[in-house]
Amino acid sequence: MPAYVSPTDLLDHQHSLSIHVSSRLPKMPPKKSAILAAATKTAKKKKWSKGKVKDKAQNMVVLDRPTYDKILKEVPTFKMISQSTLIDRMKINGSLARVAIQHLVREGQIKKVIHHRGQLVYTRVGSD
């Protein structure tokens, strides 16, 4: 800008700025129908997953002699004994696991560590 500016030059400059600024129109937000149309056009419908199928456990319901002997021999050596560990390792159902644990407690081969609601945790007698 020059050192001296006449008032008319200043008015012309302000006028051109205001015209330039006012020539921009404010953007109007798109209508809801336009938004929905654009969304349905581009987005695909989510498909359902097939899901994971877990095989039914074929655990024993009646205790046979070899499994009974295996429980008496191996379970007292486990560091952590619970109903779920017996179900997993011995392949017996839950009621048999509870009865086996009660039997081992009565014989004094395992001792109770934690009793929390339905989950009972036992350990071998010799360990601390």
C-alpha atoms as a PDB file:
ATOM      1  CA  MET A   1       0.000   0.000   0.000  1.00  0.00           C
ATOM      2  CA  PRO A   2       1.241   3.496  -0.736  1.00  0.00           C
ATOM      3  CA  ALA A   3       2.203   5.875   2.068  1.00  0.00           C
ATOM      4  CA  TYR A   4      -0.780   8.171   1.430  1.00  0.00           C
ATOM      5  CA  VAL A   5      -4.239   6.670   0.883  1.00  0.00           C
ATOM      6  CA  SER A   6      -7.109   8.877  -0.138  1.00  0.00           C
ATOM      7  CA  PRO A   7     -10.509   8.370   1.517  1.00  0.00           C
ATOM      8  CA  THR A   8     -12.067   7.369  -1.808  1.00  0.00           C
ATOM      9  CA  ASP A   9      -9.437   4.680  -2.343  1.00  0.00           C
ATOM     10  CA  LEU A  10     -10.136   3.380   1.144  1.00  0.00           C
ATOM     11  CA  LEU A  11     -13.888   3.286   0.485  1.00  0.00           C
ATOM     12  CA  ASP A  12     -13.358   1.495  -2.822  1.00  0.00           C
ATOM     13  CA  HIS A  13     -11.120  -1.045  -1.106  1.00  0.00           C
ATOM     14  CA  GLN A  14     -13.655  -1.697   1.694  1.00  0.00           C
ATOM     15  CA  HIS A  15     -16.480  -1.922  -0.834  1.00  0.00           C
ATOM     16  CA  SER A  16     -14.628  -4.515  -2.898  1.00  0.00           C
ATOM     17  CA  LEU A  17     -13.876  -6.527   0.256  1.00  0.00           C
ATOM     18  CA  SER A  18     -17.477  -6.491   1.383  1.00  0.00           C
ATOM     19  CA  ILE A  19     -18.646  -7.529  -2.065  1.00  0.00           C
ATOM     20  CA  HIS A  20     -16.089 -10.297  -2.158  1.00  0.00           C
ATOM     21  CA  VAL A  21     -17.064 -11.586   1.277  1.00  0.00           C
ATOM     22  CA  SER A  22     -20.776 -11.268   0.666  1.00  0.00           C
ATOM     23  CA  SER A  23     -20.529 -13.119  -2.648  1.00  0.00           C
ATOM     24  CA  ARG A  24     -19.930 -16.369  -0.704  1.00  0.00           C
ATOM     25  CA  LEU A  25     -23.164 -18.027   0.200  1.00  0.00           C
ATOM     26  CA  PRO A  26     -23.332 -19.927   3.466  1.00  0.00           C
ATOM     27  CA  LYS A  27     -23.500 -23.679   2.976  1.00  0.00           C
ATOM     28  CA  MET A  28     -26.845 -25.171   3.834  1.00  0.00           C
ATOM     29  CA  PRO A  29     -26.752 -28.525   5.618  1.00  0.00           C
ATOM     30  CA  PRO A  30     -27.984 -31.398   3.445  1.00  0.00           C
ATOM     31  CA  LYS A  31     -31.521 -32.594   3.945  1.00  0.00           C
ATOM     32  CA  LYS A  32     -32.219 -35.754   5.931  1.00  0.00           C
ATOM     33  CA  SER A  33     -33.560 -37.532   2.887  1.00  0.00           C
ATOM     34  CA  ALA A  34     -30.337 -36.811   0.997  1.00  0.00           C
ATOM     35  CA  ILE A  35     -28.249 -38.127   3.899  1.00  0.00           C
ATOM     36  CA  LEU A  36     -30.293 -41.328   4.135  1.00  0.00           C
ATOM     37  CA  ALA A  37     -30.145 -41.868   0.380  1.00  0.00           C
ATOM     38  CA  ALA A  38     -26.358 -41.478   0.375  1.00  0.00           C
ATOM     39  CA  ALA A  39     -25.973 -43.836   3.340  1.00  0.00           C
ATOM     40  CA  THR A  40     -28.090 -46.608   1.835  1.00  0.00           C
ATOM     41  CA  LYS A  41     -26.406 -46.256  -1.519  1.00  0.00           C
ATOM     42  CA  THR A  42     -22.855 -46.774  -0.223  1.00  0.00           C
ATOM     43  CA  ALA A  43     -23.252 -48.973   2.862  1.00  0.00           C
ATOM     44  CA  LYS A  44     -23.945 -52.679   2.475  1.00  0.00           C
ATOM     45  CA  LYS A  45     -26.138 -54.591   4.852  1.00  0.00           C
ATOM     46  CA  LYS A  46     -24.161 -56.371   7.586  1.00  0.00           C
ATOM     47  CA  LYS A  47     -24.315 -60.118   7.271  1.00  0.00           C
ATOM     48  CA  TRP A  48     -24.877 -62.398  10.221  1.00  0.00           C
ATOM     49  CA  SER A  49     -21.922 -64.528  11.207  1.00  0.00           C
ATOM     50  CA  LYS A  50     -22.378 -68.261  11.192  1.00  0.00           C
ATOM     51  CA  GLY A  51     -21.291 -68.463  14.831  1.00  0.00           C
ATOM     52  CA  LYS A  52     -19.071 -70.999  16.477  1.00  0.00           C
ATOM     53  CA  VAL A  53     -20.435 -74.453  17.087  1.00  0.00           C
ATOM     54  CA  LYS A  54     -19.112 -76.229  20.152  1.00  0.00           C
ATOM     55  CA  ASP A  55     -19.192 -80.010  20.132  1.00  0.00           C
ATOM     56  CA  LYS A  56     -21.255 -81.615  22.842  1.00  0.00           C
ATOM     57  CA  ALA A  57     -19.012 -83.110  25.499  1.00  0.00           C
ATOM     58  CA  GLN A  58     -19.328 -86.874  25.727  1.00  0.00           C
ATOM     59  CA  ASN A  59     -18.372 -87.073  29.402  1.00  0.00           C
ATOM     60  CA  MET A  60     -19.063 -90.151  31.501  1.00  0.00           C
ATOM     61  CA  VAL A  61     -22.229 -90.222  33.579  1.00  0.00           C
ATOM     62  CA  VAL A  62     -21.528 -93.510  35.352  1.00  0.00           C
ATOM     63  CA  LEU A  63     -18.129 -94.086  36.920  1.00  0.00           C
ATOM     64  CA  ASP A  64     -16.322 -97.261  35.881  1.00  0.00           C
ATOM     65  CA  ARG A  65     -13.540 -98.959  37.830  1.00  0.00           C
ATOM     66  CA  PRO A  66     -10.534 -97.754  35.747  1.00  0.00           C
ATOM     67  CA  THR A  67     -11.687 -94.116  35.956  1.00  0.00           C
ATOM     68  CA  TYR A  68     -12.333 -94.430  39.695  1.00  0.00           C
ATOM     69  CA  ASP A  69      -8.805 -95.785  40.225  1.00  0.00           C
ATOM     70  CA  LYS A  70      -7.387 -93.025  38.014  1.00  0.00           C
ATOM     71  CA  ILE A  71      -9.199 -90.360  40.092  1.00  0.00           C
ATOM     72  CA  LEU A  72      -7.918 -91.814  43.383  1.00  0.00           C
ATOM     73  CA  LYS A  73      -4.355 -91.967  42.035  1.00  0.00           C
ATOM     74  CA  GLU A  74      -3.970 -88.734  39.998  1.00  0.00           C
ATOM     75  CA  VAL A  75      -6.306 -86.118  41.500  1.00  0.00           C
ATOM     76  CA  PRO A  76      -4.521 -85.850  44.905  1.00  0.00           C
ATOM     77  CA  THR A  77      -1.345 -84.886  42.988  1.00  0.00           C
ATOM     78  CA  PHE A  78      -2.977 -81.886  41.237  1.00  0.00           C
ATOM     79  CA  LYS A  79      -1.928 -78.517  42.604  1.00  0.00           C
ATOM     80  CA  MET A  80      -5.386 -76.994  42.032  1.00  0.00           C
ATOM     81  CA  ILE A  81      -8.464 -79.184  42.196  1.00  0.00           C
ATOM     82  CA  SER A  82     -11.950 -77.972  41.314  1.00  0.00           C
ATOM     83  CA  GLN A  83     -15.035 -79.408  39.727  1.00  0.00           C
ATOM     84  CA  SER A  84     -14.125 -77.909  36.363  1.00  0.00           C
ATOM     85  CA  THR A  85     -10.567 -79.317  36.403  1.00  0.00           C
ATOM     86  CA  LEU A  86     -11.916 -82.815  37.046  1.00  0.00           C
ATOM     87  CA  ILE A  87     -14.440 -82.422  34.230  1.00  0.00           C
ATOM     88  CA  ASP A  88     -11.704 -81.355  31.797  1.00  0.00           C
ATOM     89  CA  ARG A  89      -9.005 -83.834  32.788  1.00  0.00           C
ATOM     90  CA  MET A  90     -11.004 -86.930  33.740  1.00  0.00           C
ATOM     91  CA  LYS A  91     -13.815 -86.512  31.187  1.00  0.00           C
ATOM     92  CA  ILE A  92     -16.567 -87.024  33.766  1.00  0.00           C
ATOM     93  CA  ASN A  93     -19.726 -84.968  34.227  1.00  0.00           C
ATOM     94  CA  GLY A  94     -20.223 -82.341  36.943  1.00  0.00           C
ATOM     95  CA  SER A  95     -22.152 -84.440  39.441  1.00  0.00           C
ATOM     96  CA  LEU A  96     -19.513 -87.199  39.348  1.00  0.00           C
ATOM     97  CA  ALA A  97     -16.783 -84.578  39.814  1.00  0.00           C
ATOM     98  CA  ARG A  98     -18.524 -83.190  42.931  1.00  0.00           C
ATOM     99  CA  VAL A  99     -18.946 -86.674  44.414  1.00  0.00           C
ATOM    100  CA  ALA A 100     -15.294 -87.536  43.690  1.00  0.00           C
ATOM    101  CA  ILE A 101     -14.104 -84.331  45.386  1.00  0.00           C
ATOM    102  CA  GLN A 102     -16.289 -84.983  48.455  1.00  0.00           C
ATOM    103  CA  HIS A 103     -14.919 -88.543  48.645  1.00  0.00           C
ATOM    104  CA  LEU A 104     -11.297 -87.314  48.512  1.00  0.00           C
ATOM    105  CA  VAL A 105     -12.011 -84.682  51.200  1.00  0.00           C
ATOM    106  CA  ARG A 106     -13.531 -87.322  53.511  1.00  0.00           C
ATOM    107  CA  GLU A 107     -10.455 -89.514  53.029  1.00  0.00           C
ATOM    108  CA  GLY A 108      -8.204 -86.532  53.824  1.00  0.00           C
ATOM    109  CA  GLN A 109      -6.316 -86.615  50.514  1.00  0.00           C
ATOM    110  CA  ILE A 110      -7.209 -83.029  49.545  1.00  0.00           C
ATOM    111  CA  LYS A 111      -8.093 -79.887  51.528  1.00  0.00           C
ATOM    112  CA  LYS A 112     -10.333 -76.894  50.830  1.00  0.00           C
ATOM    113  CA  VAL A 113      -8.641 -73.633  49.864  1.00  0.00           C
ATOM    114  CA  ILE A 114     -11.468 -71.349  48.711  1.00  0.00           C
ATOM    115  CA  HIS A 115     -15.237 -71.594  48.905  1.00  0.00           C
ATOM    116  CA  HIS A 116     -16.843 -68.892  46.746  1.00  0.00           C
ATOM    117  CA  ARG A 117     -20.510 -69.377  45.855  1.00  0.00           C
ATOM    118  CA  GLY A 118     -20.607 -72.525  43.730  1.00  0.00           C
ATOM    119  CA  GLN A 119     -16.894 -72.670  42.948  1.00  0.00           C
ATOM    120  CA  LEU A 120     -14.951 -74.763  45.434  1.00  0.00           C
ATOM    121  CA  VAL A 121     -11.171 -74.911  45.073  1.00  0.00           C
ATOM    122  CA  TYR A 122      -9.073 -77.596  46.731  1.00  0.00           C
ATOM    123  CA  THR A 123      -5.390 -78.469  46.818  1.00  0.00           C
ATOM    124  CA  ARG A 124      -3.264 -81.463  47.730  1.00  0.00           C
ATOM    125  CA  VAL A 125      -2.656 -82.032  51.435  1.00  0.00           C
ATOM    126  CA  GLY A 126       1.162 -81.947  51.438  1.00  0.00           C
ATOM    127  CA  SER A 127       1.532 -78.542  49.682  1.00  0.00           C
ATOM    128  CA  ASP A 128       1.349 -75.031  51.177  1.00  0.00           C
END
